């Protein structure tokens, strides 16, 4: 009999958007071009801007460990595409429950 193993990693991509995560889960944001992540966990009171890391050929990511986001809060973020010199033009939101 095979046992199912459950991961605490949630992966969010353009073709697999995530609306909410539990505070104990890890979160990975993935894109398919070099990007910089512009994000906040406190409604833009504090802003972080950092390059995403290439984790595999053609895949850039930023992973947040479990416990980074408090329940009742939300991660707000957008992308800057340095190769094109442009912003994504919209914000994304992932609620934390």
PDB file of N, CA and C in Angstrom:
ATOM      1  N   UNK A   1       0.839  -1.174   0.000  1.00  0.00           N
ATOM      2  CA  UNK A   1       0.000   0.000   0.000  1.00  0.00           C
ATOM      3  C   UNK A   1       0.890   1.245   0.000  1.00  0.00           C
ATOM      4  N   UNK A   2       0.528   2.208  -0.856  1.00  0.00           N
ATOM      5  CA  UNK A   2       1.287   3.458  -0.940  1.00  0.00           C
ATOM      6  C   UNK A   2       0.704   4.483   0.006  1.00  0.00           C
ATOM      7  N   UNK A   3       1.586   5.153   0.694  1.00  0.00           N
ATOM      8  CA  UNK A   3       1.149   6.230   1.590  1.00  0.00           C
ATOM      9  C   UNK A   3       1.337   7.551   0.861  1.00  0.00           C
ATOM     10  N   UNK A   4       0.379   8.399   0.980  1.00  0.00           N
ATOM     11  CA  UNK A   4       0.483   9.729   0.383  1.00  0.00           C
ATOM     12  C   UNK A   4       1.274  10.629   1.302  1.00  0.00           C
ATOM     13  N   UNK A   5       2.213  11.324   0.704  1.00  0.00           N
ATOM     14  CA  UNK A   5       3.015  12.277   1.450  1.00  0.00           C
ATOM     15  C   UNK A   5       2.521  13.668   1.077  1.00  0.00           C
ATOM     16  N   UNK A   6       2.235  14.450   2.064  1.00  0.00           N
ATOM     17  CA  UNK A   6       1.745  15.798   1.833  1.00  0.00           C
ATOM     18  C   UNK A   6       2.856  16.797   2.093  1.00  0.00           C
ATOM     19  N   UNK A   7       2.994  17.731   1.202  1.00  0.00           N
ATOM     20  CA  UNK A   7       3.997  18.769   1.357  1.00  0.00           C
ATOM     21  C   UNK A   7       3.343  20.030   1.923  1.00  0.00           C
ATOM     22  N   UNK A   8       4.118  20.792   2.655  1.00  0.00           N
ATOM     23  CA  UNK A   8       3.607  22.069   3.150  1.00  0.00           C
ATOM     24  C   UNK A   8       3.953  23.200   2.186  1.00  0.00           C
ATOM     25  N   UNK A   9       4.481  22.871   1.008  1.00  0.00           N
ATOM     26  CA  UNK A   9       4.852  23.865   0.016  1.00  0.00           C
ATOM     27  C   UNK A   9       3.694  24.142  -0.931  1.00  0.00           C
ATOM     28  N   UNK A  10       3.348  25.418  -1.055  1.00  0.00           N
ATOM     29  CA  UNK A  10       2.327  25.860  -2.002  1.00  0.00           C
ATOM     30  C   UNK A  10       3.043  26.654  -3.086  1.00  0.00           C
ATOM     31  N   UNK A  11       2.801  26.303  -4.349  1.00  0.00           N
ATOM     32  CA  UNK A  11       3.456  26.972  -5.466  1.00  0.00           C
ATOM     33  C   UNK A  11       2.428  27.806  -6.221  1.00  0.00           C
ATOM     34  N   UNK A  12       2.758  29.069  -6.412  1.00  0.00           N
ATOM     35  CA  UNK A  12       1.892  30.010  -7.120  1.00  0.00           C
ATOM     36  C   UNK A  12       2.576  30.429  -8.414  1.00  0.00           C
ATOM     37  N   UNK A  13       1.856  30.282  -9.535  1.00  0.00           N
ATOM     38  CA  UNK A  13       2.368  30.660 -10.854  1.00  0.00           C
ATOM     39  C   UNK A  13       1.265  31.412 -11.591  1.00  0.00           C
ATOM     40  N   UNK A  14       1.595  31.973 -12.736  1.00  0.00           N
ATOM     41  CA  UNK A  14       0.568  32.652 -13.527  1.00  0.00           C
ATOM     42  C   UNK A  14      -0.528  31.687 -13.967  1.00  0.00           C
ATOM     43  N   UNK A  15      -0.164  30.442 -14.250  1.00  0.00           N
ATOM     44  CA  UNK A  15      -1.172  29.478 -14.686  1.00  0.00           C
ATOM     45  C   UNK A  15      -1.703  28.617 -13.529  1.00  0.00           C
ATOM     46  N   UNK A  16      -1.319  28.952 -12.320  1.00  0.00           N
ATOM     47  CA  UNK A  16      -1.817  28.256 -11.117  1.00  0.00           C
ATOM     48  C   UNK A  16      -1.801  29.268  -9.968  1.00  0.00           C
ATOM     49  N   UNK A  17      -2.813  30.134  -9.978  1.00  0.00           N
ATOM     50  CA  UNK A  17      -2.864  31.191  -8.961  1.00  0.00           C
ATOM     51  C   UNK A  17      -3.371  30.635  -7.645  1.00  0.00           C
ATOM     52  N   UNK A  18      -2.846  31.173  -6.570  1.00  0.00           N
ATOM     53  CA  UNK A  18      -3.221  30.771  -5.218  1.00  0.00           C
ATOM     54  C   UNK A  18      -3.924  31.947  -4.568  1.00  0.00           C
ATOM     55  N   UNK A  19      -5.064  31.694  -3.967  1.00  0.00           N
ATOM     56  CA  UNK A  19      -5.807  32.777  -3.308  1.00  0.00           C
ATOM     57  C   UNK A  19      -5.510  32.868  -1.820  1.00  0.00           C
ATOM     58  N   UNK A  20      -5.171  31.728  -1.201  1.00  0.00           N
ATOM     59  CA  UNK A  20      -4.930  31.715   0.242  1.00  0.00           C
ATOM     60  C   UNK A  20      -3.976  30.588   0.601  1.00  0.00           C
ATOM     61  N   UNK A  21      -3.233  30.814   1.693  1.00  0.00           N
ATOM     62  CA  UNK A  21      -2.386  29.773   2.269  1.00  0.00           C
ATOM     63  C   UNK A  21      -2.598  29.779   3.773  1.00  0.00           C
ATOM     64  N   UNK A  22      -2.267  28.681   4.403  1.00  0.00           N
ATOM     65  CA  UNK A  22      -2.267  28.625   5.868  1.00  0.00           C
ATOM     66  C   UNK A  22      -0.936  29.188   6.355  1.00  0.00           C
ATOM     67  N   UNK A  23      -0.944  29.795   7.519  1.00  0.00           N
ATOM     68  CA  UNK A  23       0.265  30.427   8.050  1.00  0.00           C
ATOM     69  C   UNK A  23       1.420  29.440   8.207  1.00  0.00           C
ATOM     70  N   UNK A  24       1.121  28.159   8.402  1.00  0.00           N
ATOM     71  CA  UNK A  24       2.182  27.165   8.592  1.00  0.00           C
ATOM     72  C   UNK A  24       2.760  26.638   7.276  1.00  0.00           C
ATOM     73  N   UNK A  25       2.208  27.062   6.141  1.00  0.00           N
ATOM     74  CA  UNK A  25       2.694  26.574   4.858  1.00  0.00           C
ATOM     75  C   UNK A  25       3.823  27.443   4.314  1.00  0.00           C
ATOM     76  N   UNK A  26       4.682  26.811   3.519  1.00  0.00           N
ATOM     77  CA  UNK A  26       5.698  27.540   2.764  1.00  0.00           C
ATOM     78  C   UNK A  26       5.065  27.996   1.460  1.00  0.00           C
ATOM     79  N   UNK A  27       5.549  29.082   0.915  1.00  0.00           N
ATOM     80  CA  UNK A  27       5.010  29.606  -0.339  1.00  0.00           C
ATOM     81  C   UNK A  27       6.146  29.865  -1.304  1.00  0.00           C
ATOM     82  N   UNK A  28       5.973  29.400  -2.538  1.00  0.00           N
ATOM     83  CA  UNK A  28       6.947  29.688  -3.595  1.00  0.00           C
ATOM     84  C   UNK A  28       6.213  30.381  -4.743  1.00  0.00           C
ATOM     85  N   UNK A  29       6.714  31.550  -5.136  1.00  0.00           N
ATOM     86  CA  UNK A  29       6.217  32.251  -6.313  1.00  0.00           C
ATOM     87  C   UNK A  29       7.159  31.926  -7.456  1.00  0.00           C
ATOM     88  N   UNK A  30       6.612  31.492  -8.596  1.00  0.00           N
ATOM     89  CA  UNK A  30       7.435  31.092  -9.742  1.00  0.00           C
ATOM     90  C   UNK A  30       7.015  31.850 -10.996  1.00  0.00           C
ATOM     91  N   UNK A  31       8.011  32.252 -11.786  1.00  0.00           N
ATOM     92  CA  UNK A  31       7.786  32.867 -13.095  1.00  0.00           C
ATOM     93  C   UNK A  31       8.770  32.260 -14.089  1.00  0.00           C
ATOM     94  N   UNK A  32       8.549  32.554 -15.371  1.00  0.00           N
ATOM     95  CA  UNK A  32       9.386  31.941 -16.408  1.00  0.00           C
ATOM     96  C   UNK A  32      10.234  32.954 -17.162  1.00  0.00           C
ATOM     97  N   UNK A  33      10.646  34.000 -16.460  1.00  0.00           N
ATOM     98  CA  UNK A  33      11.575  34.988 -17.007  1.00  0.00           C
ATOM     99  C   UNK A  33      12.246  35.672 -15.820  1.00  0.00           C
ATOM    100  N   UNK A  34      13.433  36.227 -16.012  1.00  0.00           N
ATOM    101  CA  UNK A  34      14.072  36.942 -14.907  1.00  0.00           C
ATOM    102  C   UNK A  34      13.146  38.057 -14.408  1.00  0.00           C
ATOM    103  N   UNK A  35      12.979  38.107 -13.084  1.00  0.00           N
ATOM    104  CA  UNK A  35      12.062  39.093 -12.507  1.00  0.00           C
ATOM    105  C   UNK A  35      12.562  39.538 -11.142  1.00  0.00           C
ATOM    106  N   UNK A  36      12.029  40.676 -10.720  1.00  0.00           N
ATOM    107  CA  UNK A  36      12.245  41.171  -9.371  1.00  0.00           C
ATOM    108  C   UNK A  36      10.886  41.198  -8.690  1.00  0.00           C
ATOM    109  N   UNK A  37      10.855  40.759  -7.459  1.00  0.00           N
ATOM    110  CA  UNK A  37       9.603  40.687  -6.711  1.00  0.00           C
ATOM    111  C   UNK A  37       9.486  41.922  -5.829  1.00  0.00           C
ATOM    112  N   UNK A  38       8.366  42.590  -5.925  1.00  0.00           N
ATOM    113  CA  UNK A  38       8.045  43.781  -5.138  1.00  0.00           C
ATOM    114  C   UNK A  38       6.880  43.370  -4.251  1.00  0.00           C
ATOM    115  N   UNK A  39       7.090  43.289  -2.906  1.00  0.00           N
ATOM    116  CA  UNK A  39       6.059  42.701  -2.065  1.00  0.00           C
ATOM    117  C   UNK A  39       5.954  43.359  -0.697  1.00  0.00           C
ATOM    118  N   UNK A  40       4.806  43.089  -0.050  1.00  0.00           N
ATOM    119  CA  UNK A  40       4.544  43.590   1.294  1.00  0.00           C
ATOM    120  C   UNK A  40       3.615  42.619   2.017  1.00  0.00           C
ATOM    121  N   UNK A  41       3.820  42.497   3.315  1.00  0.00           N
ATOM    122  CA  UNK A  41       2.929  41.674   4.143  1.00  0.00           C
ATOM    123  C   UNK A  41       2.152  42.543   5.124  1.00  0.00           C
ATOM    124  N   UNK A  42       2.223  43.863   4.936  1.00  0.00           N
ATOM    125  CA  UNK A  42       1.509  44.767   5.848  1.00  0.00           C
ATOM    126  C   UNK A  42       0.860  45.931   5.092  1.00  0.00           C
ATOM    127  N   UNK A  43       0.183  45.575   3.999  1.00  0.00           N
ATOM    128  CA  UNK A  43      -0.566  46.555   3.199  1.00  0.00           C
ATOM    129  C   UNK A  43       0.310  47.697   2.689  1.00  0.00           C
ATOM    130  N   UNK A  44       1.517  47.388   2.277  1.00  0.00           N
ATOM    131  CA  UNK A  44       2.481  48.303   1.684  1.00  0.00           C
ATOM    132  C   UNK A  44       3.090  49.287   2.683  1.00  0.00           C
ATOM    133  N   UNK A  45       2.874  49.078   4.002  1.00  0.00           N
ATOM    134  CA  UNK A  45       3.548  49.930   4.993  1.00  0.00           C
ATOM    135  C   UNK A  45       5.058  49.680   4.935  1.00  0.00           C
ATOM    136  N   UNK A  46       5.437  48.419   4.732  1.00  0.00           N
ATOM    137  CA  UNK A  46       6.833  48.021   4.533  1.00  0.00           C
ATOM    138  C   UNK A  46       6.914  47.349   3.173  1.00  0.00           C
ATOM    139  N   UNK A  47       7.848  47.780   2.361  1.00  0.00           N
ATOM    140  CA  UNK A  47       7.962  47.241   1.006  1.00  0.00           C
ATOM    141  C   UNK A  47       9.322  46.572   0.835  1.00  0.00           C
ATOM    142  N   UNK A  48       9.301  45.411   0.210  1.00  0.00           N
ATOM    143  CA  UNK A  48      10.517  44.664  -0.092  1.00  0.00           C
ATOM    144  C   UNK A  48      10.633  44.558  -1.615  1.00  0.00           C
ATOM    145  N   UNK A  49      11.829  44.696  -2.110  1.00  0.00           N
ATOM    146  CA  UNK A  49      12.071  44.580  -3.550  1.00  0.00           C
ATOM    147  C   UNK A  49      13.346  43.767  -3.710  1.00  0.00           C
ATOM    148  N   UNK A  50      13.218  42.596  -4.319  1.00  0.00           N
ATOM    149  CA  UNK A  50      14.384  41.721  -4.419  1.00  0.00           C
ATOM    150  C   UNK A  50      14.340  40.893  -5.688  1.00  0.00           C
ATOM    151  N   UNK A  51      15.507  40.565  -6.238  1.00  0.00           N
ATOM    152  CA  UNK A  51      15.542  39.735  -7.437  1.00  0.00           C
ATOM    153  C   UNK A  51      15.089  38.313  -7.113  1.00  0.00           C
ATOM    154  N   UNK A  52      14.423  37.707  -8.063  1.00  0.00           N
ATOM    155  CA  UNK A  52      14.048  36.299  -7.918  1.00  0.00           C
ATOM    156  C   UNK A  52      15.235  35.460  -8.380  1.00  0.00           C
ATOM    157  N   UNK A  53      15.330  34.260  -7.848  1.00  0.00           N
ATOM    158  CA  UNK A  53      16.479  33.385  -8.102  1.00  0.00           C
ATOM    159  C   UNK A  53      16.115  32.318  -9.130  1.00  0.00           C
ATOM    160  N   UNK A  54      17.025  32.077 -10.067  1.00  0.00           N
ATOM    161  CA  UNK A  54      16.790  31.014 -11.045  1.00  0.00           C
ATOM    162  C   UNK A  54      17.023  29.675 -10.344  1.00  0.00           C
ATOM    163  N   UNK A  55      15.952  28.877 -10.214  1.00  0.00           N
ATOM    164  CA  UNK A  55      16.040  27.603  -9.493  1.00  0.00           C
ATOM    165  C   UNK A  55      16.147  26.403 -10.424  1.00  0.00           C
ATOM    166  N   UNK A  56      15.846  26.615 -11.696  1.00  0.00           N
ATOM    167  CA  UNK A  56      15.960  25.590 -12.733  1.00  0.00           C
ATOM    168  C   UNK A  56      16.034  26.361 -14.049  1.00  0.00           C
ATOM    169  N   UNK A  57      16.509  25.732 -15.109  1.00  0.00           N
ATOM    170  CA  UNK A  57      16.578  26.459 -16.381  1.00  0.00           C
ATOM    171  C   UNK A  57      15.204  27.023 -16.766  1.00  0.00           C
ATOM    172  N   UNK A  58      15.133  28.352 -16.872  1.00  0.00           N
ATOM    173  CA  UNK A  58      13.888  29.004 -17.275  1.00  0.00           C
ATOM    174  C   UNK A  58      12.867  29.202 -16.178  1.00  0.00           C
ATOM    175  N   UNK A  59      13.238  28.953 -14.917  1.00  0.00           N
ATOM    176  CA  UNK A  59      12.300  29.123 -13.794  1.00  0.00           C
ATOM    177  C   UNK A  59      12.957  29.979 -12.712  1.00  0.00           C
ATOM    178  N   UNK A  60      12.328  31.108 -12.421  1.00  0.00           N
ATOM    179  CA  UNK A  60      12.792  32.000 -11.360  1.00  0.00           C
ATOM    180  C   UNK A  60      11.781  31.956 -10.232  1.00  0.00           C
ATOM    181  N   UNK A  61      12.268  32.018  -8.993  1.00  0.00           N
ATOM    182  CA  UNK A  61      11.366  31.846  -7.858  1.00  0.00           C
ATOM    183  C   UNK A  61      11.816  32.662  -6.659  1.00  0.00           C
ATOM    184  N   UNK A  62      10.862  32.852  -5.768  1.00  0.00           N
ATOM    185  CA  UNK A  62      11.124  33.400  -4.423  1.00  0.00           C
ATOM    186  C   UNK A  62      10.318  32.538  -3.479  1.00  0.00           C
ATOM    187  N   UNK A  63      10.988  31.905  -2.525  1.00  0.00           N
ATOM    188  CA  UNK A  63      10.301  31.043  -1.568  1.00  0.00           C
ATOM    189  C   UNK A  63      10.290  31.698  -0.199  1.00  0.00           C
ATOM    190  N   UNK A  64       9.128  31.649   0.427  1.00  0.00           N
ATOM    191  CA  UNK A  64       8.952  32.161   1.783  1.00  0.00           C
ATOM    192  C   UNK A  64       8.783  30.964   2.719  1.00  0.00           C
ATOM    193  N   UNK A  65       9.555  30.889   3.801  1.00  0.00           N
ATOM    194  CA  UNK A  65       9.408  29.771   4.736  1.00  0.00           C
ATOM    195  C   UNK A  65       8.096  29.861   5.512  1.00  0.00           C
ATOM    196  N   UNK A  66       7.718  28.777   6.122  1.00  0.00           N
ATOM    197  CA  UNK A  66       6.494  28.763   6.928  1.00  0.00           C
ATOM    198  C   UNK A  66       6.635  29.734   8.097  1.00  0.00           C
ATOM    199  N   UNK A  67       5.525  30.298   8.503  1.00  0.00           N
ATOM    200  CA  UNK A  67       5.509  31.190   9.647  1.00  0.00           C
ATOM    201  C   UNK A  67       5.895  32.629   9.359  1.00  0.00           C
ATOM    202  N   UNK A  68       6.220  32.966   8.109  1.00  0.00           N
ATOM    203  CA  UNK A  68       6.595  34.338   7.772  1.00  0.00           C
ATOM    204  C   UNK A  68       5.387  35.266   7.828  1.00  0.00           C
ATOM    205  N   UNK A  69       4.248  34.764   7.407  1.00  0.00           N
ATOM    206  CA  UNK A  69       3.035  35.578   7.329  1.00  0.00           C
ATOM    207  C   UNK A  69       2.068  35.205   8.442  1.00  0.00           C
ATOM    208  N   UNK A  70       1.518  36.208   9.095  1.00  0.00           N
ATOM    209  CA  UNK A  70       0.594  35.993  10.208  1.00  0.00           C
ATOM    210  C   UNK A  70      -0.821  35.738   9.690  1.00  0.00           C
ATOM    211  N   UNK A  71      -1.568  34.872  10.371  1.00  0.00           N
ATOM    212  CA  UNK A  71      -2.972  34.659   9.990  1.00  0.00           C
ATOM    213  C   UNK A  71      -3.731  35.982  10.029  1.00  0.00           C
ATOM    214  N   UNK A  72      -4.634  36.150   9.088  1.00  0.00           N
ATOM    215  CA  UNK A  72      -5.420  37.374   9.008  1.00  0.00           C
ATOM    216  C   UNK A  72      -4.751  38.451   8.173  1.00  0.00           C
ATOM    217  N   UNK A  73      -3.523  38.219   7.773  1.00  0.00           N
ATOM    218  CA  UNK A  73      -2.791  39.166   6.923  1.00  0.00           C
ATOM    219  C   UNK A  73      -2.853  38.684   5.477  1.00  0.00           C
ATOM    220  N   UNK A  74      -2.205  39.422   4.614  1.00  0.00           N
ATOM    221  CA  UNK A  74      -2.157  39.031   3.203  1.00  0.00           C
ATOM    222  C   UNK A  74      -0.805  39.421   2.628  1.00  0.00           C
ATOM    223  N   UNK A  75      -0.366  38.656   1.666  1.00  0.00           N
ATOM    224  CA  UNK A  75       0.831  38.981   0.902  1.00  0.00           C
ATOM    225  C   UNK A  75       0.358  39.707  -0.349  1.00  0.00           C
ATOM    226  N   UNK A  76       0.834  40.918  -0.532  1.00  0.00           N
ATOM    227  CA  UNK A  76       0.557  41.672  -1.756  1.00  0.00           C
ATOM    228  C   UNK A  76       1.865  41.778  -2.517  1.00  0.00           C
ATOM    229  N   UNK A  77       1.796  41.559  -3.825  1.00  0.00           N
ATOM    230  CA  UNK A  77       3.039  41.578  -4.605  1.00  0.00           C
ATOM    231  C   UNK A  77       2.770  41.886  -6.066  1.00  0.00           C
ATOM    232  N   UNK A  78       3.836  42.274  -6.733  1.00  0.00           N
ATOM    233  CA  UNK A  78       3.837  42.441  -8.175  1.00  0.00           C
ATOM    234  C   UNK A  78       5.246  42.141  -8.662  1.00  0.00           C
ATOM    235  N   UNK A  79       5.418  42.137  -9.961  1.00  0.00           N
ATOM    236  CA  UNK A  79       6.709  41.806 -10.554  1.00  0.00           C
ATOM    237  C   UNK A  79       7.251  42.970 -11.370  1.00  0.00           C
ATOM    238  N   UNK A  80       8.561  43.099 -11.345  1.00  0.00           N
ATOM    239  CA  UNK A  80       9.268  44.005 -12.256  1.00  0.00           C
ATOM    240  C   UNK A  80      10.100  43.120 -13.174  1.00  0.00           C
ATOM    241  N   UNK A  81       9.981  43.361 -14.470  1.00  0.00           N
ATOM    242  CA  UNK A  81      10.681  42.561 -15.479  1.00  0.00           C
ATOM    243  C   UNK A  81      11.865  43.372 -16.000  1.00  0.00           C
ATOM    244  N   UNK A  82      13.072  43.168 -15.437  1.00  0.00           N
ATOM    245  CA  UNK A  82      14.223  44.001 -15.812  1.00  0.00           C
ATOM    246  C   UNK A  82      14.623  43.862 -17.280  1.00  0.00           C
ATOM    247  N   UNK A  83      14.424  42.709 -17.863  1.00  0.00           N
ATOM    248  CA  UNK A  83      14.775  42.519 -19.273  1.00  0.00           C
ATOM    249  C   UNK A  83      13.970  43.411 -20.191  1.00  0.00           C
ATOM    250  N   UNK A  84      12.722  43.682 -19.805  1.00  0.00           N
ATOM    251  CA  UNK A  84      11.832  44.548 -20.585  1.00  0.00           C
ATOM    252  C   UNK A  84      11.764  45.958 -20.018  1.00  0.00           C
ATOM    253  N   UNK A  85      12.310  46.148 -18.805  1.00  0.00           N
ATOM    254  CA  UNK A  85      12.242  47.449 -18.164  1.00  0.00           C
ATOM    255  C   UNK A  85      10.825  47.871 -17.841  1.00  0.00           C
ATOM    256  N   UNK A  86       9.990  46.911 -17.396  1.00  0.00           N
ATOM    257  CA  UNK A  86       8.589  47.250 -17.130  1.00  0.00           C
ATOM    258  C   UNK A  86       8.054  46.525 -15.904  1.00  0.00           C
ATOM    259  N   UNK A  87       7.010  47.103 -15.320  1.00  0.00           N
ATOM    260  CA  UNK A  87       6.280  46.492 -14.212  1.00  0.00           C
ATOM    261  C   UNK A  87       5.173  45.609 -14.761  1.00  0.00           C
ATOM    262  N   UNK A  88       4.720  44.666 -13.962  1.00  0.00           N
ATOM    263  CA  UNK A  88       3.615  43.797 -14.361  1.00  0.00           C
ATOM    264  C   UNK A  88       2.343  44.603 -14.604  1.00  0.00           C
ATOM    265  N   UNK A  89       2.137  45.668 -13.836  1.00  0.00           N
ATOM    266  CA  UNK A  89       0.966  46.526 -14.072  1.00  0.00           C
ATOM    267  C   UNK A  89      -0.239  46.170 -13.229  1.00  0.00           C
ATOM    268  N   UNK A  90      -0.096  45.196 -12.342  1.00  0.00           N
ATOM    269  CA  UNK A  90      -1.186  44.847 -11.430  1.00  0.00           C
ATOM    270  C   UNK A  90      -0.581  44.191 -10.185  1.00  0.00           C
ATOM    271  N   UNK A  91      -1.335  44.274  -9.115  1.00  0.00           N
ATOM    272  CA  UNK A  91      -0.936  43.633  -7.864  1.00  0.00           C
ATOM    273  C   UNK A  91      -1.651  42.296  -7.714  1.00  0.00           C
ATOM    274  N   UNK A  92      -1.005  41.387  -7.011  1.00  0.00           N
ATOM    275  CA  UNK A  92      -1.589  40.088  -6.688  1.00  0.00           C
ATOM    276  C   UNK A  92      -1.748  40.005  -5.170  1.00  0.00           C
ATOM    277  N   UNK A  93      -2.676  39.194  -4.708  1.00  0.00           N
ATOM    278  CA  UNK A  93      -2.950  39.077  -3.285  1.00  0.00           C
ATOM    279  C   UNK A  93      -3.119  37.615  -2.919  1.00  0.00           C
ATOM    280  N   UNK A  94      -2.438  37.198  -1.866  1.00  0.00           N
ATOM    281  CA  UNK A  94      -2.623  35.863  -1.296  1.00  0.00           C
ATOM    282  C   UNK A  94      -2.949  36.057   0.185  1.00  0.00           C
ATOM    283  N   UNK A  95      -4.145  35.649   0.577  1.00  0.00           N
ATOM    284  CA  UNK A  95      -4.563  35.765   1.975  1.00  0.00           C
ATOM    285  C   UNK A  95      -3.899  34.696   2.825  1.00  0.00           C
ATOM    286  N   UNK A  96      -3.692  35.001   4.081  1.00  0.00           N
ATOM    287  CA  UNK A  96      -3.100  34.040   5.018  1.00  0.00           C
ATOM    288  C   UNK A  96      -4.155  33.720   6.073  1.00  0.00           C
ATOM    289  N   UNK A  97      -4.453  32.433   6.188  1.00  0.00           N
ATOM    290  CA  UNK A  97      -5.488  31.997   7.132  1.00  0.00           C
ATOM    291  C   UNK A  97      -4.882  31.192   8.260  1.00  0.00           C
TER     292      UNK A  97
END
